Amino acid sequence: MGLKRAIKGIETRKKGSCELVTPVAEAKLRIVPMPEGVPPGGVHAAGLDVEFNGKRRRLEIDTGASGLLLS
């Protein structure tokens, strides 16, 4: 029940300052390995290198997720 309430709260919030300025028909992004696992040299996860508001970050790809939340 708490999850449904949280989702409803997010849906009813006022629109923030993040908006798509120009429609994008297609985008290609390079998936990068995130070598943090065991054994040494193994790949723990995959990610995308992105930039938001001038800050570069690597987003981990969660193949089981149904959406994406940035805070």
PDB file of N, CA and C in Angstrom:
ATOM      1  N   MET A   1       0.824  -1.198   0.000  1.00  0.00           N
ATOM      2  CA  MET A   1       0.000   0.000   0.000  1.00  0.00           C
ATOM      3  C   MET A   1       0.867   1.262   0.000  1.00  0.00           C
ATOM      4  N   GLY A   2       2.009   1.219   0.696  1.00  0.00           N
ATOM      5  CA  GLY A   2       2.899   2.371   0.743  1.00  0.00           C
ATOM      6  C   GLY A   2       3.467   2.714  -0.619  1.00  0.00           C
ATOM      7  N   LEU A   3       3.768   1.690  -1.418  1.00  0.00           N
ATOM      8  CA  LEU A   3       4.305   1.918  -2.758  1.00  0.00           C
ATOM      9  C   LEU A   3       3.273   2.607  -3.642  1.00  0.00           C
ATOM     10  N   LYS A   4       2.031   2.153  -3.585  1.00  0.00           N
ATOM     11  CA  LYS A   4       0.977   2.784  -4.386  1.00  0.00           C
ATOM     12  C   LYS A   4       0.791   4.245  -3.969  1.00  0.00           C
ATOM     13  N   ARG A   5       0.876   4.513  -2.686  1.00  0.00           N
ATOM     14  CA  ARG A   5       0.730   5.885  -2.193  1.00  0.00           C
ATOM     15  C   ARG A   5       1.894   6.752  -2.691  1.00  0.00           C
ATOM     16  N   ALA A   6       3.103   6.203  -2.678  1.00  0.00           N
ATOM     17  CA  ALA A   6       4.271   6.946  -3.162  1.00  0.00           C
ATOM     18  C   ALA A   6       4.144   7.254  -4.645  1.00  0.00           C
ATOM     19  N   ILE A   7       3.707   6.276  -5.435  1.00  0.00           N
ATOM     20  CA  ILE A   7       3.522   6.487  -6.874  1.00  0.00           C
ATOM     21  C   ILE A   7       2.476   7.569  -7.114  1.00  0.00           C
ATOM     22  N   LYS A   8       1.381   7.506  -6.381  1.00  0.00           N
ATOM     23  CA  LYS A   8       0.320   8.511  -6.525  1.00  0.00           C
ATOM     24  C   LYS A   8       0.858   9.900  -6.177  1.00  0.00           C
ATOM     25  N   GLY A   9       1.698   9.988  -5.147  1.00  0.00           N
ATOM     26  CA  GLY A   9       2.287  11.272  -4.762  1.00  0.00           C
ATOM     27  C   GLY A   9       3.167  11.839  -5.848  1.00  0.00           C
ATOM     28  N   ILE A  10       3.950  10.981  -6.484  1.00  0.00           N
ATOM     29  CA  ILE A  10       4.813  11.420  -7.582  1.00  0.00           C
ATOM     30  C   ILE A  10       3.972  11.888  -8.760  1.00  0.00           C
ATOM     31  N   GLU A  11       2.919  11.158  -9.077  1.00  0.00           N
ATOM     32  CA  GLU A  11       2.072  11.502 -10.218  1.00  0.00           C
ATOM     33  C   GLU A  11       1.346  12.823 -10.023  1.00  0.00           C
ATOM     34  N   THR A  12       1.048  13.192  -8.780  1.00  0.00           N
ATOM     35  CA  THR A  12       0.278  14.410  -8.540  1.00  0.00           C
ATOM     36  C   THR A  12       1.145  15.646  -8.291  1.00  0.00           C
ATOM     37  N   ARG A  13       2.458  15.487  -8.244  1.00  0.00           N
ATOM     38  CA  ARG A  13       3.343  16.639  -8.054  1.00  0.00           C
ATOM     39  C   ARG A  13       3.271  17.584  -9.241  1.00  0.00           C
ATOM     40  N   LYS A  14       3.580  18.842  -8.961  1.00  0.00           N
ATOM     41  CA  LYS A  14       3.640  19.823 -10.041  1.00  0.00           C
ATOM     42  C   LYS A  14       4.792  19.478 -10.965  1.00  0.00           C
ATOM     43  N   LYS A  15       4.664  19.856 -12.221  1.00  0.00           N
ATOM     44  CA  LYS A  15       5.702  19.590 -13.214  1.00  0.00           C
ATOM     45  C   LYS A  15       6.975  20.325 -12.829  1.00  0.00           C
ATOM     46  N   GLY A  16       8.095  19.614 -12.866  1.00  0.00           N
ATOM     47  CA  GLY A  16       9.381  20.193 -12.501  1.00  0.00           C
ATOM     48  C   GLY A  16      10.012  20.957 -13.648  1.00  0.00           C
ATOM     49  N   SER A  17      11.292  21.246 -13.520  1.00  0.00           N
ATOM     50  CA  SER A  17      11.991  22.038 -14.518  1.00  0.00           C
ATOM     51  C   SER A  17      12.662  21.190 -15.593  1.00  0.00           C
ATOM     52  N   CYS A  18      12.471  19.885 -15.557  1.00  0.00           N
ATOM     53  CA  CYS A  18      13.086  19.004 -16.548  1.00  0.00           C
ATOM     54  C   CYS A  18      12.086  18.749 -17.668  1.00  0.00           C
ATOM     55  N   GLU A  19      12.381  19.273 -18.838  1.00  0.00           N
ATOM     56  CA  GLU A  19      11.480  19.129 -19.976  1.00  0.00           C
ATOM     57  C   GLU A  19      12.267  18.780 -21.228  1.00  0.00           C
ATOM     58  N   LEU A  20      11.652  18.032 -22.105  1.00  0.00           N
ATOM     59  CA  LEU A  20      12.247  17.721 -23.393  1.00  0.00           C
ATOM     60  C   LEU A  20      12.097  18.954 -24.283  1.00  0.00           C
ATOM     61  N   VAL A  21      13.215  19.534 -24.674  1.00  0.00           N
ATOM     62  CA  VAL A  21      13.189  20.772 -25.447  1.00  0.00           C
ATOM     63  C   VAL A  21      12.971  20.487 -26.922  1.00  0.00           C
ATOM     64  N   THR A  22      13.660  19.499 -27.433  1.00  0.00           N
ATOM     65  CA  THR A  22      13.558  19.133 -28.835  1.00  0.00           C
ATOM     66  C   THR A  22      13.236  17.651 -28.947  1.00  0.00           C
ATOM     67  N   PRO A  23      12.191  17.293 -29.673  1.00  0.00           N
ATOM     68  CA  PRO A  23      11.876  15.870 -29.837  1.00  0.00           C
ATOM     69  C   PRO A  23      13.055  15.109 -30.447  1.00  0.00           C
ATOM     70  N   VAL A  24      13.283  13.902 -29.968  1.00  0.00           N
ATOM     71  CA  VAL A  24      14.375  13.064 -30.458  1.00  0.00           C
ATOM     72  C   VAL A  24      13.772  11.823 -31.100  1.00  0.00           C
ATOM     73  N   ALA A  25      14.059  11.617 -32.376  1.00  0.00           N
ATOM     74  CA  ALA A  25      13.525  10.459 -33.089  1.00  0.00           C
ATOM     75  C   ALA A  25      14.312   9.201 -32.759  1.00  0.00           C
ATOM     76  N   GLU A  26      15.631   9.345 -32.571  1.00  0.00           N
ATOM     77  CA  GLU A  26      16.476   8.183 -32.321  1.00  0.00           C
ATOM     78  C   GLU A  26      17.727   8.627 -31.585  1.00  0.00           C
ATOM     79  N   ALA A  27      18.206   7.791 -30.696  1.00  0.00           N
ATOM     80  CA  ALA A  27      19.458   8.064 -29.994  1.00  0.00           C
ATOM     81  C   ALA A  27      20.214   6.757 -29.818  1.00  0.00           C
ATOM     82  N   LYS A  28      21.520   6.816 -29.973  1.00  0.00           N
ATOM     83  CA  LYS A  28      22.364   5.647 -29.768  1.00  0.00           C
ATOM     84  C   LYS A  28      23.361   5.977 -28.666  1.00  0.00           C
ATOM     85  N   LEU A  29      23.377   5.145 -27.642  1.00  0.00           N
ATOM     86  CA  LEU A  29      24.279   5.334 -26.515  1.00  0.00           C
ATOM     87  C   LEU A  29      25.128   4.092 -26.341  1.00  0.00           C
ATOM     88  N   ARG A  30      26.394   4.298 -26.026  1.00  0.00           N
ATOM     89  CA  ARG A  30      27.302   3.180 -25.810  1.00  0.00           C
ATOM     90  C   ARG A  30      27.105   2.633 -24.402  1.00  0.00           C
ATOM     91  N   ILE A  31      26.869   1.334 -24.287  1.00  0.00           N
ATOM     92  CA  ILE A  31      26.752   0.676 -22.992  1.00  0.00           C
ATOM     93  C   ILE A  31      28.166   0.367 -22.506  1.00  0.00           C
ATOM     94  N   VAL A  32      28.476   0.779 -21.282  1.00  0.00           N
ATOM     95  CA  VAL A  32      29.822   0.592 -20.743  1.00  0.00           C
ATOM     96  C   VAL A  32      29.795  -0.414 -19.596  1.00  0.00           C
ATOM     97  N   PRO A  33      30.817  -1.266 -19.500  1.00  0.00           N
ATOM     98  CA  PRO A  33      30.882  -2.220 -18.395  1.00  0.00           C
ATOM     99  C   PRO A  33      31.203  -1.508 -17.087  1.00  0.00           C
ATOM    100  N   MET A  34      30.643  -2.004 -16.002  1.00  0.00           N
ATOM    101  CA  MET A  34      30.922  -1.467 -14.673  1.00  0.00           C
ATOM    102  C   MET A  34      31.620  -2.567 -13.874  1.00  0.00           C
ATOM    103  N   PRO A  35      32.951  -2.638 -13.976  1.00  0.00           N
ATOM    104  CA  PRO A  35      33.715  -3.747 -13.386  1.00  0.00           C
ATOM    105  C   PRO A  35      33.896  -3.601 -11.876  1.00  0.00           C
ATOM    106  N   GLU A  36      32.871  -3.945 -11.117  1.00  0.00           N
ATOM    107  CA  GLU A  36      32.957  -3.835  -9.659  1.00  0.00           C
ATOM    108  C   GLU A  36      32.747  -5.186  -8.988  1.00  0.00           C
ATOM    109  N   GLY A  37      32.592  -6.237  -9.781  1.00  0.00           N
ATOM    110  CA  GLY A  37      32.220  -7.515  -9.200  1.00  0.00           C
ATOM    111  C   GLY A  37      33.378  -8.437  -8.924  1.00  0.00           C
ATOM    112  N   VAL A  38      33.029  -9.598  -8.490  1.00  0.00           N
ATOM    113  CA  VAL A  38      33.989 -10.662  -8.231  1.00  0.00           C
ATOM    114  C   VAL A  38      33.691 -11.750  -9.236  1.00  0.00           C
ATOM    115  N   PRO A  39      34.604 -12.374  -9.869  1.00  0.00           N
ATOM    116  CA  PRO A  39      36.043 -12.316  -9.657  1.00  0.00           C
ATOM    117  C   PRO A  39      36.654 -11.055 -10.247  1.00  0.00           C
ATOM    118  N   PRO A  40      37.900 -10.744  -9.853  1.00  0.00           N
ATOM    119  CA  PRO A  40      38.563  -9.566 -10.412  1.00  0.00           C
ATOM    120  C   PRO A  40      38.534  -9.603 -11.939  1.00  0.00           C
ATOM    121  N   GLY A  41      38.199  -8.481 -12.526  1.00  0.00           N
ATOM    122  CA  GLY A  41      38.100  -8.407 -13.980  1.00  0.00           C
ATOM    123  C   GLY A  41      36.719  -8.758 -14.481  1.00  0.00           C
ATOM    124  N   GLY A  42      35.859  -9.258 -13.596  1.00  0.00           N
ATOM    125  CA  GLY A  42      34.490  -9.588 -13.975  1.00  0.00           C
ATOM    126  C   GLY A  42      33.652  -8.331 -14.099  1.00  0.00           C
ATOM    127  N   VAL A  43      32.546  -8.444 -14.780  1.00  0.00           N
ATOM    128  CA  VAL A  43      31.658  -7.294 -14.957  1.00  0.00           C
ATOM    129  C   VAL A  43      30.467  -7.451 -14.025  1.00  0.00           C
ATOM    130  N   HIS A  44      30.284  -6.476 -13.165  1.00  0.00           N
ATOM    131  CA  HIS A  44      29.198  -6.481 -12.183  1.00  0.00           C
ATOM    132  C   HIS A  44      27.885  -6.014 -12.811  1.00  0.00           C
ATOM    133  N   ALA A  45      27.981  -5.000 -13.658  1.00  0.00           N
ATOM    134  CA  ALA A  45      26.779  -4.405 -14.252  1.00  0.00           C
ATOM    135  C   ALA A  45      27.162  -3.663 -15.528  1.00  0.00           C
ATOM    136  N   ALA A  46      26.146  -3.113 -16.193  1.00  0.00           N
ATOM    137  CA  ALA A  46      26.348  -2.288 -17.382  1.00  0.00           C
ATOM    138  C   ALA A  46      25.750  -0.917 -17.111  1.00  0.00           C
ATOM    139  N   GLY A  47      26.298   0.100 -17.766  1.00  0.00           N
ATOM    140  CA  GLY A  47      25.817   1.446 -17.505  1.00  0.00           C
ATOM    141  C   GLY A  47      25.858   2.330 -18.738  1.00  0.00           C
ATOM    142  N   LEU A  48      25.372   3.540 -18.552  1.00  0.00           N
ATOM    143  CA  LEU A  48      25.370   4.578 -19.589  1.00  0.00           C
ATOM    144  C   LEU A  48      26.047   5.810 -19.028  1.00  0.00           C
ATOM    145  N   ASP A  49      26.974   6.397 -19.784  1.00  0.00           N
ATOM    146  CA  ASP A  49      27.585   7.664 -19.385  1.00  0.00           C
ATOM    147  C   ASP A  49      26.672   8.788 -19.844  1.00  0.00           C
ATOM    148  N   VAL A  50      26.223   9.623 -18.894  1.00  0.00           N
ATOM    149  CA  VAL A  50      25.283  10.703 -19.194  1.00  0.00           C
ATOM    150  C   VAL A  50      25.753  11.991 -18.533  1.00  0.00           C
ATOM    151  N   GLU A  51      25.144  13.103 -18.937  1.00  0.00           N
ATOM    152  CA  GLU A  51      25.426  14.385 -18.318  1.00  0.00           C
ATOM    153  C   GLU A  51      24.110  15.096 -18.043  1.00  0.00           C
ATOM    154  N   PHE A  52      23.912  15.530 -16.797  1.00  0.00           N
ATOM    155  CA  PHE A  52      22.732  16.288 -16.392  1.00  0.00           C
ATOM    156  C   PHE A  52      23.202  17.559 -15.709  1.00  0.00           C
ATOM    157  N   ASN A  53      22.728  18.688 -16.181  1.00  0.00           N
ATOM    158  CA  ASN A  53      23.073  19.983 -15.595  1.00  0.00           C
ATOM    159  C   ASN A  53      24.584  20.156 -15.443  1.00  0.00           C
ATOM    160  N   GLY A  54      25.323  19.726 -16.458  1.00  0.00           N
ATOM    161  CA  GLY A  54      26.760  19.891 -16.455  1.00  0.00           C
ATOM    162  C   GLY A  54      27.533  18.889 -15.613  1.00  0.00           C
ATOM    163  N   LYS A  55      26.857  17.915 -15.021  1.00  0.00           N
ATOM    164  CA  LYS A  55      27.525  16.914 -14.185  1.00  0.00           C
ATOM    165  C   LYS A  55      27.489  15.565 -14.889  1.00  0.00           C
ATOM    166  N   ARG A  56      28.690  14.987 -15.107  1.00  0.00           N
ATOM    167  CA  ARG A  56      28.787  13.686 -15.768  1.00  0.00           C
ATOM    168  C   ARG A  56      28.599  12.583 -14.734  1.00  0.00           C
ATOM    169  N   ARG A  57      27.780  11.606 -15.082  1.00  0.00           N
ATOM    170  CA  ARG A  57      27.512  10.476 -14.199  1.00  0.00           C
ATOM    171  C   ARG A  57      27.403   9.212 -15.030  1.00  0.00           C
ATOM    172  N   ARG A  58      27.545   8.077 -14.369  1.00  0.00           N
ATOM    173  CA  ARG A  58      27.319   6.797 -15.027  1.00  0.00           C
ATOM    174  C   ARG A  58      26.080   6.172 -14.389  1.00  0.00           C
ATOM    175  N   LEU A  59      25.061   5.946 -15.205  1.00  0.00           N
ATOM    176  CA  LEU A  59      23.827   5.325 -14.735  1.00  0.00           C
ATOM    177  C   LEU A  59      23.914   3.823 -14.921  1.00  0.00           C
ATOM    178  N   GLU A  60      23.646   3.083 -13.859  1.00  0.00           N
ATOM    179  CA  GLU A  60      23.627   1.630 -13.970  1.00  0.00           C
ATOM    180  C   GLU A  60      22.314   1.193 -14.610  1.00  0.00           C
ATOM    181  N   ILE A  61      22.395   0.267 -15.549  1.00  0.00           N
ATOM    182  CA  ILE A  61      21.209  -0.245 -16.217  1.00  0.00           C
ATOM    183  C   ILE A  61      20.632  -1.383 -15.393  1.00  0.00           C
ATOM    184  N   ASP A  62      19.382  -1.247 -14.998  1.00  0.00           N
ATOM    185  CA  ASP A  62      18.680  -2.287 -14.241  1.00  0.00           C
ATOM    186  C   ASP A  62      17.662  -2.923 -15.192  1.00  0.00           C
ATOM    187  N   THR A  63      17.988  -4.104 -15.686  1.00  0.00           N
ATOM    188  CA  THR A  63      17.131  -4.736 -16.682  1.00  0.00           C
ATOM    189  C   THR A  63      15.804  -5.215 -16.114  1.00  0.00           C
ATOM    190  N   GLY A  64      15.678  -5.231 -14.807  1.00  0.00           N
ATOM    191  CA  GLY A  64      14.417  -5.640 -14.188  1.00  0.00           C
ATOM    192  C   GLY A  64      13.530  -4.465 -13.801  1.00  0.00           C
ATOM    193  N   ALA A  65      13.994  -3.245 -14.028  1.00  0.00           N
ATOM    194  CA  ALA A  65      13.229  -2.070 -13.624  1.00  0.00           C
ATOM    195  C   ALA A  65      12.137  -1.748 -14.633  1.00  0.00           C
ATOM    196  N   SER A  66      11.059  -1.159 -14.140  1.00  0.00           N
ATOM    197  CA  SER A  66       9.967  -0.760 -15.022  1.00  0.00           C
ATOM    198  C   SER A  66      10.007   0.722 -15.346  1.00  0.00           C
ATOM    199  N   GLY A  67      10.986   1.448 -14.801  1.00  0.00           N
ATOM    200  CA  GLY A  67      11.084   2.873 -15.059  1.00  0.00           C
ATOM    201  C   GLY A  67      12.419   3.408 -14.586  1.00  0.00           C
ATOM    202  N   LEU A  68      12.567   4.725 -14.593  1.00  0.00           N
ATOM    203  CA  LEU A  68      13.814   5.372 -14.204  1.00  0.00           C
ATOM    204  C   LEU A  68      13.465   6.572 -13.346  1.00  0.00           C
ATOM    205  N   LEU A  69      14.122   6.688 -12.187  1.00  0.00           N
ATOM    206  CA  LEU A  69      13.900   7.816 -11.295  1.00  0.00           C
ATOM    207  C   LEU A  69      15.227   8.510 -11.064  1.00  0.00           C
ATOM    208  N   LEU A  70      15.295   9.774 -11.374  1.00  0.00           N
ATOM    209  CA  LEU A  70      16.488  10.586 -11.108  1.00  0.00           C
ATOM    210  C   LEU A  70      16.159  11.596 -10.036  1.00  0.00           C
ATOM    211  N   SER A  71      17.040  11.714  -9.056  1.00  0.00           N
ATOM    212  CA  SER A  71      16.796  12.696  -7.991  1.00  0.00           C
ATOM    213  C   SER A  71      17.986  13.598  -7.822  1.00  0.00           C
TER     214      SER A  71
END
